[in-house]
PDB file of N, CA and C in Angstrom:
ATOM      1  N   MET A   1      -5.725  17.150 -30.104  1.00  0.00           N
ATOM      2  CA  MET A   1      -4.667  16.401 -30.000  1.00  0.00           C
ATOM      3  C   MET A   1      -4.996  14.806 -30.539  1.00  0.00           C
ATOM      4  N   ARG A   2      -4.253  14.378 -31.431  1.00  0.00           N
ATOM      5  CA  ARG A   2      -4.603  12.862 -31.942  1.00  0.00           C
ATOM      6  C   ARG A   2      -4.570  12.059 -30.928  1.00  0.00           C
ATOM      7  N   ALA A   3      -3.630  12.103 -29.887  1.00  0.00           N
ATOM      8  CA  ALA A   3      -3.609  11.111 -28.837  1.00  0.00           C
ATOM      9  C   ALA A   3      -4.835  11.060 -28.186  1.00  0.00           C
ATOM     10  N   ARG A   4      -5.502  12.236 -27.815  1.00  0.00           N
ATOM     11  CA  ARG A   4      -6.744  12.136 -26.986  1.00  0.00           C
ATOM     12  C   ARG A   4      -7.821  11.427 -27.943  1.00  0.00           C
ATOM     13  N   ARG A   5      -7.834  11.632 -29.094  1.00  0.00           N
ATOM     14  CA  ARG A   5      -8.868  11.222 -29.948  1.00  0.00           C
ATOM     15  C   ARG A   5      -8.799   9.617 -29.898  1.00  0.00           C
ATOM     16  N   ILE A   6      -7.414   8.999 -30.063  1.00  0.00           N
ATOM     17  CA  ILE A   6      -7.053   7.663 -29.956  1.00  0.00           C
ATOM     18  C   ILE A   6      -7.743   7.185 -28.770  1.00  0.00           C
ATOM     19  N   LEU A   7      -7.601   7.761 -27.591  1.00  0.00           N
ATOM     20  CA  LEU A   7      -7.917   7.254 -26.256  1.00  0.00           C
ATOM     21  C   LEU A   7      -9.657   7.340 -26.206  1.00  0.00           C
ATOM     22  N   GLN A   8     -10.175   8.294 -27.077  1.00  0.00           N
ATOM     23  CA  GLN A   8     -11.731   8.367 -26.864  1.00  0.00           C
ATOM     24  C   GLN A   8     -12.395   7.329 -28.007  1.00  0.00           C
ATOM     25  N   THR A   9     -11.455   6.747 -28.839  1.00  0.00           N
ATOM     26  CA  THR A   9     -12.023   5.835 -29.752  1.00  0.00           C
ATOM     27  C   THR A   9     -12.456   4.585 -29.052  1.00  0.00           C
ATOM     28  N   GLY A  10     -13.555   3.939 -29.611  1.00  0.00           N
ATOM     29  CA  GLY A  10     -13.936   2.727 -28.958  1.00  0.00           C
ATOM     30  C   GLY A  10     -15.340   2.823 -28.143  1.00  0.00           C
ATOM     31  N   ALA A  11     -15.544   1.642 -27.734  1.00  0.00           N
ATOM     32  CA  ALA A  11     -16.757   1.519 -27.046  1.00  0.00           C
ATOM     33  C   ALA A  11     -16.530   1.548 -25.541  1.00  0.00           C
ATOM     34  N   PHE A  12     -15.963   2.466 -24.874  1.00  0.00           N
ATOM     35  CA  PHE A  12     -15.629   2.510 -23.425  1.00  0.00           C
ATOM     36  C   PHE A  12     -16.643   3.278 -22.749  1.00  0.00           C
ATOM     37  N   ASN A  13     -16.976   2.755 -21.574  1.00  0.00           N
ATOM     38  CA  ASN A  13     -17.941   3.410 -20.707  1.00  0.00           C
ATOM     39  C   ASN A  13     -17.157   4.472 -19.996  1.00  0.00           C
ATOM     40  N   PRO A  14     -17.833   5.561 -19.496  1.00  0.00           N
ATOM     41  CA  PRO A  14     -17.245   6.795 -18.840  1.00  0.00           C
ATOM     42  C   PRO A  14     -16.031   6.196 -17.832  1.00  0.00           C
ATOM     43  N   ASP A  15     -16.325   5.329 -17.066  1.00  0.00           N
ATOM     44  CA  ASP A  15     -15.482   4.894 -16.052  1.00  0.00           C
ATOM     45  C   ASP A  15     -14.158   4.423 -16.563  1.00  0.00           C
ATOM     46  N   ASP A  16     -14.222   3.496 -17.806  1.00  0.00           N
ATOM     47  CA  ASP A  16     -13.185   2.996 -18.563  1.00  0.00           C
ATOM     48  C   ASP A  16     -12.456   4.114 -19.198  1.00  0.00           C
ATOM     49  N   LEU A  17     -13.284   4.913 -19.807  1.00  0.00           N
ATOM     50  CA  LEU A  17     -12.443   6.007 -20.444  1.00  0.00           C
ATOM     51  C   LEU A  17     -11.725   6.852 -19.513  1.00  0.00           C
ATOM     52  N   GLN A  18     -12.211   7.092 -18.445  1.00  0.00           N
ATOM     53  CA  GLN A  18     -11.324   7.869 -17.249  1.00  0.00           C
ATOM     54  C   GLN A  18     -10.117   7.021 -16.889  1.00  0.00           C
ATOM     55  N   ARG A  19     -10.246   5.765 -16.726  1.00  0.00           N
ATOM     56  CA  ARG A  19      -9.214   4.969 -16.328  1.00  0.00           C
ATOM     57  C   ARG A  19      -8.003   4.952 -17.482  1.00  0.00           C
ATOM     58  N   LEU A  20      -8.485   4.914 -18.705  1.00  0.00           N
ATOM     59  CA  LEU A  20      -7.524   4.973 -19.979  1.00  0.00           C
ATOM     60  C   LEU A  20      -6.819   6.405 -19.702  1.00  0.00           C
ATOM     61  N   GLN A  21      -7.683   7.488 -19.744  1.00  0.00           N
ATOM     62  CA  GLN A  21      -7.063   8.745 -19.615  1.00  0.00           C
ATOM     63  C   GLN A  21      -6.025   8.996 -18.433  1.00  0.00           C
ATOM     64  N   ASN A  22      -6.464   8.434 -17.203  1.00  0.00           N
ATOM     65  CA  ASN A  22      -5.588   8.640 -16.232  1.00  0.00           C
ATOM     66  C   ASN A  22      -4.252   7.859 -16.324  1.00  0.00           C
ATOM     67  N   ALA A  23      -4.359   6.575 -16.924  1.00  0.00           N
ATOM     68  CA  ALA A  23      -3.109   5.658 -17.149  1.00  0.00           C
ATOM     69  C   ALA A  23      -2.285   6.387 -18.160  1.00  0.00           C
ATOM     70  N   PHE A  24      -2.921   6.970 -19.136  1.00  0.00           N
ATOM     71  CA  PHE A  24      -2.003   7.768 -20.344  1.00  0.00           C
ATOM     72  C   PHE A  24      -1.418   8.681 -19.521  1.00  0.00           C
ATOM     73  N   ASP A  25      -2.112   9.639 -18.796  1.00  0.00           N
ATOM     74  CA  ASP A  25      -1.373  10.868 -18.154  1.00  0.00           C
ATOM     75  C   ASP A  25      -0.382  10.387 -17.332  1.00  0.00           C
ATOM     76  N   ALA A  26      -0.438   9.356 -16.522  1.00  0.00           N
ATOM     77  CA  ALA A  26       0.637   8.925 -15.620  1.00  0.00           C
ATOM     78  C   ALA A  26       1.795   8.381 -16.437  1.00  0.00           C
ATOM     79  N   ALA A  27       1.681   7.691 -17.512  1.00  0.00           N
ATOM     80  CA  ALA A  27       2.729   7.196 -18.316  1.00  0.00           C
ATOM     81  C   ALA A  27       3.474   8.312 -18.970  1.00  0.00           C
ATOM     82  N   TRP A  28       2.537   9.177 -19.502  1.00  0.00           N
ATOM     83  CA  TRP A  28       3.268  10.348 -20.248  1.00  0.00           C
ATOM     84  C   TRP A  28       3.984  11.137 -19.263  1.00  0.00           C
ATOM     85  N   GLU A  29       3.541  11.412 -18.148  1.00  0.00           N
ATOM     86  CA  GLU A  29       4.386  12.221 -17.277  1.00  0.00           C
ATOM     87  C   GLU A  29       5.706  11.402 -16.949  1.00  0.00           C
ATOM     88  N   ALA A  30       5.793  10.221 -16.828  1.00  0.00           N
ATOM     89  CA  ALA A  30       6.824   9.555 -16.598  1.00  0.00           C
ATOM     90  C   ALA A  30       7.908   9.421 -17.733  1.00  0.00           C
ATOM     91  N   LEU A  31       7.183   9.454 -19.052  1.00  0.00           N
ATOM     92  CA  LEU A  31       7.877   9.347 -20.110  1.00  0.00           C
ATOM     93  C   LEU A  31       8.394  10.649 -20.783  1.00  0.00           C
ATOM     94  N   ALA A  32       7.584  11.588 -20.612  1.00  0.00           N
ATOM     95  CA  ALA A  32       7.808  12.928 -21.363  1.00  0.00           C
ATOM     96  C   ALA A  32       9.357  13.331 -21.296  1.00  0.00           C
ATOM     97  N   PRO A  33       9.925  13.409 -20.055  1.00  0.00           N
ATOM     98  CA  PRO A  33      11.457  13.919 -19.875  1.00  0.00           C
ATOM     99  C   PRO A  33      12.254  13.299 -20.895  1.00  0.00           C
ATOM    100  N   SER A  34      12.099  12.125 -21.173  1.00  0.00           N
ATOM    101  CA  SER A  34      13.026  11.474 -21.944  1.00  0.00           C
ATOM    102  C   SER A  34      12.839  11.366 -23.499  1.00  0.00           C
ATOM    103  N   VAL A  35      11.761  12.128 -23.940  1.00  0.00           N
ATOM    104  CA  VAL A  35      11.372  12.198 -25.288  1.00  0.00           C
ATOM    105  C   VAL A  35      11.901  13.411 -25.954  1.00  0.00           C
ATOM    106  N   ALA A  36      12.523  13.446 -27.010  1.00  0.00           N
ATOM    107  CA  ALA A  36      12.835  14.778 -27.635  1.00  0.00           C
ATOM    108  C   ALA A  36      11.557  15.602 -27.888  1.00  0.00           C
ATOM    109  N   HIS A  37      11.448  16.658 -27.876  1.00  0.00           N
ATOM    110  CA  HIS A  37      10.477  17.703 -28.014  1.00  0.00           C
ATOM    111  C   HIS A  37       9.820  17.382 -29.605  1.00  0.00           C
ATOM    112  N   SER A  38      10.767  17.332 -30.573  1.00  0.00           N
ATOM    113  CA  SER A  38      10.481  17.033 -31.923  1.00  0.00           C
ATOM    114  C   SER A  38       9.724  15.549 -32.071  1.00  0.00           C
ATOM    115  N   ASP A  39       9.733  14.801 -31.028  1.00  0.00           N
ATOM    116  CA  ASP A  39       9.163  13.472 -31.280  1.00  0.00           C
ATOM    117  C   ASP A  39       7.846  13.343 -30.250  1.00  0.00           C
ATOM    118  N   TYR A  40       7.460  14.304 -29.514  1.00  0.00           N
ATOM    119  CA  TYR A  40       6.164  14.328 -28.704  1.00  0.00           C
ATOM    120  C   TYR A  40       5.117  14.018 -29.433  1.00  0.00           C
ATOM    121  N   GLU A  41       4.788  14.422 -30.301  1.00  0.00           N
ATOM    122  CA  GLU A  41       3.432  14.053 -31.119  1.00  0.00           C
ATOM    123  C   GLU A  41       3.414  12.576 -31.248  1.00  0.00           C
ATOM    124  N   ARG A  42       4.302  12.153 -32.027  1.00  0.00           N
ATOM    125  CA  ARG A  42       4.455  10.716 -32.402  1.00  0.00           C
ATOM    126  C   ARG A  42       4.414   9.827 -31.351  1.00  0.00           C
ATOM    127  N   SER A  43       5.256  10.115 -30.232  1.00  0.00           N
ATOM    128  CA  SER A  43       5.337   9.324 -28.924  1.00  0.00           C
ATOM    129  C   SER A  43       4.141   9.305 -28.318  1.00  0.00           C
ATOM    130  N   ARG A  44       3.477  10.434 -28.213  1.00  0.00           N
ATOM    131  CA  ARG A  44       2.041  10.419 -27.600  1.00  0.00           C
ATOM    132  C   ARG A  44       0.883   9.570 -28.329  1.00  0.00           C
ATOM    133  N   GLU A  45       1.123   9.571 -29.704  1.00  0.00           N
ATOM    134  CA  GLU A  45       0.132   8.767 -30.290  1.00  0.00           C
ATOM    135  C   GLU A  45       0.378   7.297 -30.183  1.00  0.00           C
ATOM    136  N   LEU A  46       1.789   6.853 -30.246  1.00  0.00           N
ATOM    137  CA  LEU A  46       2.005   5.485 -29.865  1.00  0.00           C
ATOM    138  C   LEU A  46       1.625   5.261 -28.477  1.00  0.00           C
ATOM    139  N   LEU A  47       1.835   6.061 -27.480  1.00  0.00           N
ATOM    140  CA  LEU A  47       1.508   5.536 -25.992  1.00  0.00           C
ATOM    141  C   LEU A  47      -0.036   5.580 -25.866  1.00  0.00           C
ATOM    142  N   ALA A  48      -0.946   6.366 -26.608  1.00  0.00           N
ATOM    143  CA  ALA A  48      -2.324   6.315 -26.656  1.00  0.00           C
ATOM    144  C   ALA A  48      -2.775   4.933 -27.111  1.00  0.00           C
ATOM    145  N   THR A  49      -2.119   4.670 -28.149  1.00  0.00           N
ATOM    146  CA  THR A  49      -2.342   3.365 -28.934  1.00  0.00           C
ATOM    147  C   THR A  49      -2.236   2.152 -28.138  1.00  0.00           C
ATOM    148  N   VAL A  50      -1.144   2.245 -27.511  1.00  0.00           N
ATOM    149  CA  VAL A  50      -0.768   1.029 -26.347  1.00  0.00           C
ATOM    150  C   VAL A  50      -1.774   1.138 -25.273  1.00  0.00           C
ATOM    151  N   VAL A  51      -2.013   2.281 -24.679  1.00  0.00           N
ATOM    152  CA  VAL A  51      -2.910   2.306 -23.456  1.00  0.00           C
ATOM    153  C   VAL A  51      -4.422   1.712 -23.888  1.00  0.00           C
ATOM    154  N   VAL A  52      -4.725   2.180 -25.105  1.00  0.00           N
ATOM    155  CA  VAL A  52      -6.091   1.629 -25.476  1.00  0.00           C
ATOM    156  C   VAL A  52      -6.053   0.178 -25.869  1.00  0.00           C
ATOM    157  N   SER A  53      -4.957  -0.471 -26.401  1.00  0.00           N
ATOM    158  CA  SER A  53      -5.044  -1.749 -26.852  1.00  0.00           C
ATOM    159  C   SER A  53      -4.817  -2.551 -25.495  1.00  0.00           C
ATOM    160  N   ALA A  54      -4.211  -2.058 -24.643  1.00  0.00           N
ATOM    161  CA  ALA A  54      -3.976  -2.795 -23.072  1.00  0.00           C
ATOM    162  C   ALA A  54      -5.271  -2.661 -22.455  1.00  0.00           C
ATOM    163  N   GLY A  55      -5.851  -1.649 -22.384  1.00  0.00           N
ATOM    164  CA  GLY A  55      -7.134  -1.351 -21.685  1.00  0.00           C
ATOM    165  C   GLY A  55      -8.309  -2.030 -22.289  1.00  0.00           C
ATOM    166  N   ASN A  56      -8.384  -2.417 -23.536  1.00  0.00           N
ATOM    167  CA  ASN A  56      -9.296  -3.194 -24.232  1.00  0.00           C
ATOM    168  C   ASN A  56      -9.333  -4.719 -23.838  1.00  0.00           C
ATOM    169  N   VAL A  57      -8.197  -5.125 -23.433  1.00  0.00           N
ATOM    170  CA  VAL A  57      -8.026  -6.793 -23.089  1.00  0.00           C
ATOM    171  C   VAL A  57      -7.750  -6.946 -21.692  1.00  0.00           C
ATOM    172  N   SER A  58      -7.865  -6.075 -20.801  1.00  0.00           N
ATOM    173  CA  SER A  58      -7.424  -6.281 -19.534  1.00  0.00           C
ATOM    174  C   SER A  58      -8.250  -5.717 -18.429  1.00  0.00           C
ATOM    175  N   GLY A  59      -8.179  -6.245 -17.395  1.00  0.00           N
ATOM    176  CA  GLY A  59      -8.822  -5.617 -16.148  1.00  0.00           C
ATOM    177  C   GLY A  59      -7.985  -4.740 -15.210  1.00  0.00           C
ATOM    178  N   LEU A  60      -6.781  -4.388 -15.942  1.00  0.00           N
ATOM    179  CA  LEU A  60      -5.838  -3.691 -15.050  1.00  0.00           C
ATOM    180  C   LEU A  60      -6.382  -2.232 -14.637  1.00  0.00           C
ATOM    181  N   ASP A  61      -5.975  -1.874 -13.291  1.00  0.00           N
ATOM    182  CA  ASP A  61      -6.367  -0.662 -12.862  1.00  0.00           C
ATOM    183  C   ASP A  61      -5.438   0.446 -13.498  1.00  0.00           C
ATOM    184  N   THR A  62      -5.469   1.775 -13.086  1.00  0.00           N
ATOM    185  CA  THR A  62      -4.821   2.787 -13.629  1.00  0.00           C
ATOM    186  C   THR A  62      -3.351   2.612 -13.401  1.00  0.00           C
ATOM    187  N   GLY A  63      -2.919   2.273 -12.275  1.00  0.00           N
ATOM    188  CA  GLY A  63      -1.573   2.254 -12.113  1.00  0.00           C
ATOM    189  C   GLY A  63      -0.835   0.976 -12.897  1.00  0.00           C
ATOM    190  N   GLU A  64      -1.513   0.011 -12.790  1.00  0.00           N
ATOM    191  CA  GLU A  64      -1.149  -1.225 -13.610  1.00  0.00           C
ATOM    192  C   GLU A  64      -1.072  -1.045 -15.053  1.00  0.00           C
ATOM    193  N   LEU A  65      -1.996  -0.380 -15.622  1.00  0.00           N
ATOM    194  CA  LEU A  65      -2.216  -0.007 -16.843  1.00  0.00           C
ATOM    195  C   LEU A  65      -1.170   0.759 -17.545  1.00  0.00           C
ATOM    196  N   SER A  66      -0.991   2.007 -16.672  1.00  0.00           N
ATOM    197  CA  SER A  66       0.222   2.644 -17.020  1.00  0.00           C
ATOM    198  C   SER A  66       1.530   2.063 -17.010  1.00  0.00           C
ATOM    199  N   ALA A  67       1.854   1.094 -15.994  1.00  0.00           N
ATOM    200  CA  ALA A  67       3.115   0.434 -16.117  1.00  0.00           C
ATOM    201  C   ALA A  67       3.305  -0.411 -17.163  1.00  0.00           C
ATOM    202  N   VAL A  68       2.089  -1.154 -17.578  1.00  0.00           N
ATOM    203  CA  VAL A  68       2.144  -2.026 -18.905  1.00  0.00           C
ATOM    204  C   VAL A  68       2.350  -1.093 -20.020  1.00  0.00           C
ATOM    205  N   ALA A  69       1.711  -0.040 -20.017  1.00  0.00           N
ATOM    206  CA  ALA A  69       1.828   0.759 -21.341  1.00  0.00           C
ATOM    207  C   ALA A  69       3.385   1.276 -21.546  1.00  0.00           C
ATOM    208  N   LEU A  70       3.924   1.690 -20.458  1.00  0.00           N
ATOM    209  CA  LEU A  70       5.356   2.161 -20.371  1.00  0.00           C
ATOM    210  C   LEU A  70       6.518   1.091 -20.791  1.00  0.00           C
ATOM    211  N   LYS A  71       6.114  -0.165 -20.223  1.00  0.00           N
ATOM    212  CA  LYS A  71       6.972  -1.319 -20.721  1.00  0.00           C
ATOM    213  C   LYS A  71       6.767  -1.556 -22.055  1.00  0.00           C
ATOM    214  N   THR A  72       5.441  -1.681 -22.722  1.00  0.00           N
ATOM    215  CA  THR A  72       5.308  -1.940 -23.955  1.00  0.00           C
ATOM    216  C   THR A  72       5.810  -0.793 -24.963  1.00  0.00           C
ATOM    217  N   PHE A  73       5.676   0.376 -24.694  1.00  0.00           N
ATOM    218  CA  PHE A  73       6.120   1.624 -25.496  1.00  0.00           C
ATOM    219  C   PHE A  73       7.570   1.285 -25.720  1.00  0.00           C
ATOM    220  N   HIS A  74       8.332   0.994 -24.471  1.00  0.00           N
ATOM    221  CA  HIS A  74       9.822   0.939 -24.605  1.00  0.00           C
ATOM    222  C   HIS A  74      10.236  -0.149 -25.351  1.00  0.00           C
ATOM    223  N   ALA A  75       9.542  -1.365 -25.327  1.00  0.00           N
ATOM    224  CA  ALA A  75       9.713  -2.341 -26.248  1.00  0.00           C
ATOM    225  C   ALA A  75       9.450  -2.338 -27.681  1.00  0.00           C
ATOM    226  N   ILE A  76       8.510  -1.360 -27.951  1.00  0.00           N
ATOM    227  CA  ILE A  76       8.007  -1.188 -29.343  1.00  0.00           C
ATOM    228  C   ILE A  76       9.378  -0.363 -29.895  1.00  0.00           C
ATOM    229  N   ARG A  77       9.507   0.909 -29.130  1.00  0.00           N
ATOM    230  CA  ARG A  77      10.559   1.700 -29.435  1.00  0.00           C
ATOM    231  C   ARG A  77      12.098   0.952 -29.625  1.00  0.00           C
ATOM    232  N   ALA A  78      12.342   0.038 -28.806  1.00  0.00           N
ATOM    233  CA  ALA A  78      13.614  -0.547 -28.947  1.00  0.00           C
ATOM    234  C   ALA A  78      13.621  -1.509 -30.172  1.00  0.00           C
ATOM    235  N   GLY A  79      12.547  -2.056 -30.516  1.00  0.00           N
ATOM    236  CA  GLY A  79      12.256  -2.951 -31.562  1.00  0.00           C
ATOM    237  C   GLY A  79      12.451  -2.147 -32.990  1.00  0.00           C
ATOM    238  N   THR A  80      11.876  -0.946 -32.929  1.00  0.00           N
ATOM    239  CA  THR A  80      11.957   0.026 -34.047  1.00  0.00           C
ATOM    240  C   THR A  80      13.159   0.409 -34.353  1.00  0.00           C
ATOM    241  N   GLN A  81      14.058   0.689 -33.293  1.00  0.00           N
ATOM    242  CA  GLN A  81      15.461   1.243 -33.629  1.00  0.00           C
ATOM    243  C   GLN A  81      16.123   0.196 -33.931  1.00  0.00           C
ATOM    244  N   THR A  82      16.201  -0.970 -33.616  1.00  0.00           N
ATOM    245  CA  THR A  82      16.936  -1.984 -34.134  1.00  0.00           C
ATOM    246  C   THR A  82      16.729  -2.304 -35.563  1.00  0.00           C
ATOM    247  N   LEU A  83      15.403  -1.901 -36.014  1.00  0.00           N
ATOM    248  CA  LEU A  83      15.031  -2.229 -37.485  1.00  0.00           C
ATOM    249  C   LEU A  83      15.908  -1.210 -38.450  1.00  0.00           C
ATOM    250  N   LEU A  84      16.127   0.054 -37.868  1.00  0.00           N
ATOM    251  CA  LEU A  84      16.695   1.152 -38.764  1.00  0.00           C
ATOM    252  C   LEU A  84      18.115   1.024 -39.069  1.00  0.00           C
TER     253      LEU A  84
END
């Protein structure tokens, strides 16, 4: 899956990589029921990119990172929809 490759890209130590993966999994679990099945892959890629970006610049724990990722994901999606 491309989302997994996005998470594994970068210079993360094993602990940080696990934190990113756990944050992604938690955020996706919360998000998935509201995503159309046809949009799963694109949404997972966007979420993974958000998790990696936020994980790169923060000392957030898994729960905090997951919450920030969800908030950012929704903001990006809302902004994208207003442009269409």
